[in-house]
Amino acid sequence: MLTTHGHVDHVGNNDLADELGVPAEHYVPAPDLDQMRDAVAYWVRSFERIAGVAPLPSPPAPTIRKVVSLFQPMRPFGATTRTYEERPLERIRIGSLRGTGWTFAEGAVRVLRRQGHTAGHVIVHLRDCGVLHLSDEGNGPCGAMVDTDHRSAEAVSYLDGLLEQATALQPAALGLTAQSGQVRPEAFTARYTERSAELGVGGANPLRELGLRPQSDEVDAPWSRPPLRNPA
């Protein structure tokens, strides 16, 4: 079961994957974990960003709590839930579209990172029947993502280089965080920089994108992957 993003109307019954009676796998995008754990806080922040631009209830929190309550019990996580980001990142090409993501069923199902609706939004390509499931990609304040002009050979070469860096760095980051349950940013950054130099590429610190979160507010607090517990 593939969750495209963390909004409440897409995740409330995710735990049903545990009740299918057959071996099941369930994946969710790591950048959306926080809103899946606390939908009210997520929507309050979202409404505050557009306050004064659109007619909204004031304060928004009571109305948001009522809307979120419509999706109770909220169970975005099941026993089999994992994040896509726990899998090695792959380069994916569909026609002129180039991107990164993950493949399932021997490549018959392709999950591409798009992030045009939420921070973790993905779209799903079903290769054999030629269907591209956009979910809510074009429905949101960010709109649909705009692709690079692939007609330009220079643009294609540049984009391919960026994708090579991304697909090289993400498995390297996974390797550095998978040895223990927690990692300190200072130690991780040193090892990650060293590994980046070995690969001849560069990139930002990806701890949050991998689904890890700091264990406290201290400057060099250790980061770890929080357990996927359903909201109360």
Protein backbone atom coordinates (compact mmCIF):
# COMPACT_ATOMS: atom_id res chain seq x y z
CA MET A 1 0.00 0.00 0.00
CA LEU A 2 1.48 3.33 -1.11
CA THR A 3 0.47 6.55 0.65
CA THR A 4 0.99 9.58 -1.59
CA HIS A 5 1.01 12.22 1.17
CA GLY A 6 0.10 12.86 4.77
CA HIS A 7 -3.18 14.78 4.66
CA VAL A 8 -5.93 13.43 6.89
CA ASP A 9 -8.21 12.43 4.00
CA HIS A 10 -5.48 10.11 2.70
CA VAL A 11 -4.10 8.44 5.83
CA GLY A 12 -6.92 7.84 8.34
CA ASN A 13 -7.38 4.13 7.61
CA ASN A 14 -3.81 3.18 6.73
CA ASP A 15 -3.76 0.55 9.47
CA LEU A 16 -6.21 -1.54 7.39
CA ALA A 17 -3.12 -2.90 5.64
CA ASP A 18 -2.65 -5.06 8.75
CA GLU A 19 -6.09 -6.61 8.28
CA LEU A 20 -5.80 -7.75 4.66
CA GLY A 21 -5.03 -11.32 5.65
CA VAL A 22 -2.08 -11.48 3.25
CA PRO A 23 1.56 -10.35 3.51
CA ALA A 24 1.49 -6.57 3.06
CA GLU A 25 3.88 -3.65 2.88
CA HIS A 26 2.92 -0.04 3.54
CA TYR A 27 4.99 3.03 2.71
CA VAL A 28 4.56 6.71 3.62
CA PRO A 29 6.69 9.79 2.77
CA ALA A 30 9.06 10.77 5.58
CA PRO A 31 8.67 14.57 5.13
CA ASP A 32 4.96 14.22 5.97
CA LEU A 33 5.40 12.22 9.18
CA ASP A 34 4.99 15.21 11.50
CA GLN A 35 1.61 16.18 10.07
CA MET A 36 0.46 12.56 10.22
CA ARG A 37 1.29 12.53 13.93
CA ASP A 38 -0.40 15.88 14.64
CA ALA A 39 -2.79 16.99 11.90
CA VAL A 40 -4.28 19.85 13.93
CA ALA A 41 -0.92 21.55 14.47
CA TYR A 42 -0.08 21.13 10.78
CA TRP A 43 -3.29 22.77 9.58
CA VAL A 44 -3.09 25.57 12.12
CA ARG A 45 0.36 26.46 10.77
CA SER A 46 -0.93 26.20 7.20
CA PHE A 47 -3.86 28.53 7.89
CA GLU A 48 -1.65 31.02 9.70
CA ARG A 49 0.53 31.32 6.60
CA ILE A 50 -2.39 32.57 4.50
CA ALA A 51 -4.12 34.65 7.16
CA GLY A 52 -5.44 37.84 5.56
CA VAL A 53 -5.26 36.36 2.07
CA ALA A 54 -8.32 34.11 2.29
CA PRO A 55 -11.43 34.27 4.52
CA LEU A 56 -10.67 31.97 7.44
CA PRO A 57 -12.21 31.34 10.86
CA SER A 58 -10.49 33.18 13.66
CA PRO A 59 -8.96 31.62 15.57
CA PRO A 60 -8.65 28.63 13.19
CA ALA A 61 -7.81 25.90 15.74
CA PRO A 62 -11.38 25.06 16.95
CA THR A 63 -12.67 24.68 13.39
CA ILE A 64 -9.63 22.63 12.38
CA ARG A 65 -10.14 20.29 15.35
CA LYS A 66 -13.75 19.72 14.26
CA VAL A 67 -12.69 18.92 10.68
CA VAL A 68 -9.90 16.59 11.77
CA SER A 69 -12.31 14.84 14.14
CA LEU A 70 -14.34 13.73 11.12
CA PHE A 71 -11.51 11.35 10.27
CA GLN A 72 -11.29 9.71 13.69
CA PRO A 73 -10.01 7.26 14.64
CA MET A 74 -6.87 8.59 12.98
CA ARG A 75 -4.58 5.62 12.32
CA PRO A 76 -1.99 6.59 9.70
CA PHE A 77 0.47 3.90 10.78
CA GLY A 78 0.20 0.13 10.87
CA ALA A 79 2.53 -2.67 11.89
CA THR A 80 4.02 -2.81 8.39
CA THR A 81 4.42 0.95 7.86
CA ARG A 82 7.82 2.16 6.68
CA THR A 83 8.98 5.33 4.95
CA TYR A 84 9.94 5.39 1.30
CA GLU A 85 13.15 7.09 2.38
CA GLU A 86 14.28 3.91 4.16
CA ARG A 87 14.76 2.39 0.70
CA PRO A 88 17.69 3.31 -1.58
CA LEU A 89 16.80 6.21 -3.87
CA GLU A 90 16.65 5.35 -7.58
CA ARG A 91 16.77 7.34 -10.81
CA ILE A 92 13.54 6.96 -12.77
CA ARG A 93 12.76 7.98 -16.32
CA ILE A 94 9.28 7.92 -17.88
CA GLY A 95 9.41 9.26 -21.43
CA SER A 96 10.94 12.74 -21.18
CA LEU A 97 10.29 12.92 -17.42
CA ARG A 98 13.34 12.40 -15.24
CA GLY A 99 13.15 12.10 -11.51
CA THR A 100 14.07 10.18 -8.40
CA GLY A 101 12.01 7.77 -6.37
CA TRP A 102 11.51 4.08 -5.69
CA THR A 103 10.31 1.08 -7.68
CA PHE A 104 8.19 -1.88 -6.58
CA ALA A 105 7.05 -5.15 -8.18
CA GLU A 106 10.21 -5.45 -10.31
CA GLY A 107 9.75 -1.96 -11.72
CA ALA A 108 6.05 -2.30 -12.61
CA VAL A 109 5.17 0.31 -9.96
CA ARG A 110 7.22 3.51 -9.79
CA VAL A 111 6.90 6.07 -7.02
CA LEU A 112 8.32 9.47 -7.93
CA ARG A 113 9.08 12.36 -5.59
CA ARG A 114 7.23 15.49 -6.77
CA GLN A 115 6.45 17.51 -3.61
CA GLY A 116 4.02 19.88 -5.32
CA HIS A 117 1.16 19.44 -2.83
CA THR A 118 2.95 18.66 0.43
CA ALA A 119 6.61 18.38 1.41
CA GLY A 120 6.57 14.63 0.86
CA HIS A 121 4.03 14.25 -1.95
CA VAL A 122 4.69 11.43 -4.42
CA ILE A 123 3.01 10.31 -7.64
CA VAL A 124 2.68 6.70 -8.77
CA HIS A 125 3.29 5.34 -12.28
CA LEU A 126 1.81 1.96 -13.20
CA ARG A 127 4.09 0.90 -16.04
CA ASP A 128 2.19 -1.98 -17.60
CA CYS A 129 -1.13 -0.15 -18.00
CA GLY A 130 0.42 3.26 -18.67
CA VAL A 131 -1.37 5.04 -15.80
CA LEU A 132 0.15 7.97 -13.90
CA HIS A 133 -1.68 8.55 -10.60
CA LEU A 134 -1.15 12.18 -9.56
CA SER A 135 -3.11 12.03 -6.30
CA ASP A 136 -3.39 15.72 -5.22
CA GLU A 137 -0.29 16.92 -7.07
CA GLY A 138 -2.03 19.73 -8.93
CA ASN A 139 -4.32 20.65 -6.04
CA GLY A 140 -2.70 22.95 -3.55
CA PRO A 141 -1.05 26.30 -2.87
CA CYS A 142 2.16 25.16 -4.57
CA GLY A 143 0.41 23.90 -7.71
CA ALA A 144 1.88 21.29 -9.98
CA MET A 145 5.62 21.06 -10.34
CA VAL A 146 7.05 22.48 -13.55
CA ASP A 147 9.51 20.21 -15.38
CA THR A 148 12.82 21.34 -16.81
CA ASP A 149 12.91 21.88 -20.57
CA HIS A 150 14.18 18.46 -21.65
CA ARG A 151 14.53 19.61 -25.25
CA SER A 152 17.81 21.22 -24.36
CA ALA A 153 20.74 18.79 -24.43
CA GLU A 154 22.59 21.04 -21.97
CA ALA A 155 19.65 21.00 -19.58
CA VAL A 156 19.37 17.21 -19.83
CA SER A 157 23.05 16.77 -19.06
CA TYR A 158 22.88 19.15 -16.09
CA LEU A 159 19.74 17.49 -14.67
CA ASP A 160 21.22 14.02 -15.10
CA GLY A 161 24.23 15.15 -13.11
CA LEU A 162 22.03 16.41 -10.27
CA LEU A 163 20.09 13.15 -10.21
CA GLU A 164 23.33 11.17 -10.09
CA GLN A 165 24.38 13.17 -7.05
CA ALA A 166 21.04 12.68 -5.31
CA THR A 167 20.96 8.93 -5.91
CA ALA A 168 24.56 8.59 -4.72
CA LEU A 169 24.19 10.66 -1.56
CA GLN A 170 20.92 9.24 -0.23
CA PRO A 171 22.18 5.61 0.07
CA ALA A 172 25.37 7.00 1.63
CA ALA A 173 23.31 8.86 4.22
CA LEU A 174 21.26 5.75 4.92
CA GLY A 175 24.45 3.77 5.46
CA LEU A 176 25.69 6.29 8.00
CA THR A 177 22.45 6.27 10.01
CA ALA A 178 21.52 2.60 9.87
CA GLN A 179 24.19 1.31 12.22
CA SER A 180 22.52 2.58 15.39
CA GLY A 181 19.22 3.89 16.61
CA GLN A 182 20.46 7.47 16.91
CA VAL A 183 23.06 9.78 15.40
CA ARG A 184 24.52 13.10 16.49
CA PRO A 185 24.45 15.81 13.79
CA GLU A 186 28.09 16.86 14.35
CA ALA A 187 29.39 13.31 13.95
CA PHE A 188 27.05 12.62 11.02
CA THR A 189 28.07 15.82 9.20
CA ALA A 190 31.74 14.93 9.45
CA ARG A 191 31.21 11.42 8.09
CA TYR A 192 28.73 12.62 5.46
CA THR A 193 31.13 15.29 4.21
CA GLU A 194 33.89 12.71 3.99
CA ARG A 195 31.63 10.32 2.09
CA SER A 196 30.52 13.13 -0.25
CA ALA A 197 34.15 13.88 -1.07
CA GLU A 198 34.77 10.21 -1.82
CA LEU A 199 31.81 10.22 -4.22
CA GLY A 200 32.81 13.55 -5.73
CA VAL A 201 29.38 15.09 -5.10
CA GLY A 202 27.78 17.56 -2.70
CA GLY A 203 24.48 18.05 -0.94
CA ALA A 204 22.68 19.28 2.15
CA ASN A 205 22.40 17.41 5.42
CA PRO A 206 19.50 14.98 4.76
CA LEU A 207 18.69 13.77 8.29
CA ARG A 208 15.18 15.26 8.33
CA GLU A 209 14.42 14.05 4.80
CA LEU A 210 15.33 10.52 5.89
CA GLY A 211 12.65 10.72 8.59
CA LEU A 212 14.97 11.33 11.57
CA ARG A 213 14.13 13.95 14.20
CA PRO A 214 16.19 15.58 17.02
CA GLN A 215 15.61 14.04 20.44
CA SER A 216 15.78 17.43 22.20
CA ASP A 217 16.30 21.14 21.53
CA GLU A 218 20.04 20.99 22.31
CA VAL A 219 22.35 22.19 19.53
CA ASP A 220 24.00 18.80 18.99
CA ALA A 221 21.20 16.58 20.26
CA PRO A 222 21.20 13.08 18.76
CA TRP A 223 18.73 12.42 15.93
CA SER A 224 16.78 9.17 15.55
CA ARG A 225 13.79 7.79 13.67
CA PRO A 226 10.75 8.17 15.98
CA PRO A 227 8.44 5.17 16.30
CA LEU A 228 5.38 5.33 14.06
CA ARG A 229 2.72 5.63 16.74
CA ASN A 230 -0.83 6.57 15.81
CA PRO A 231 -2.25 9.78 17.33
CA ALA A 232 -4.30 9.34 20.49
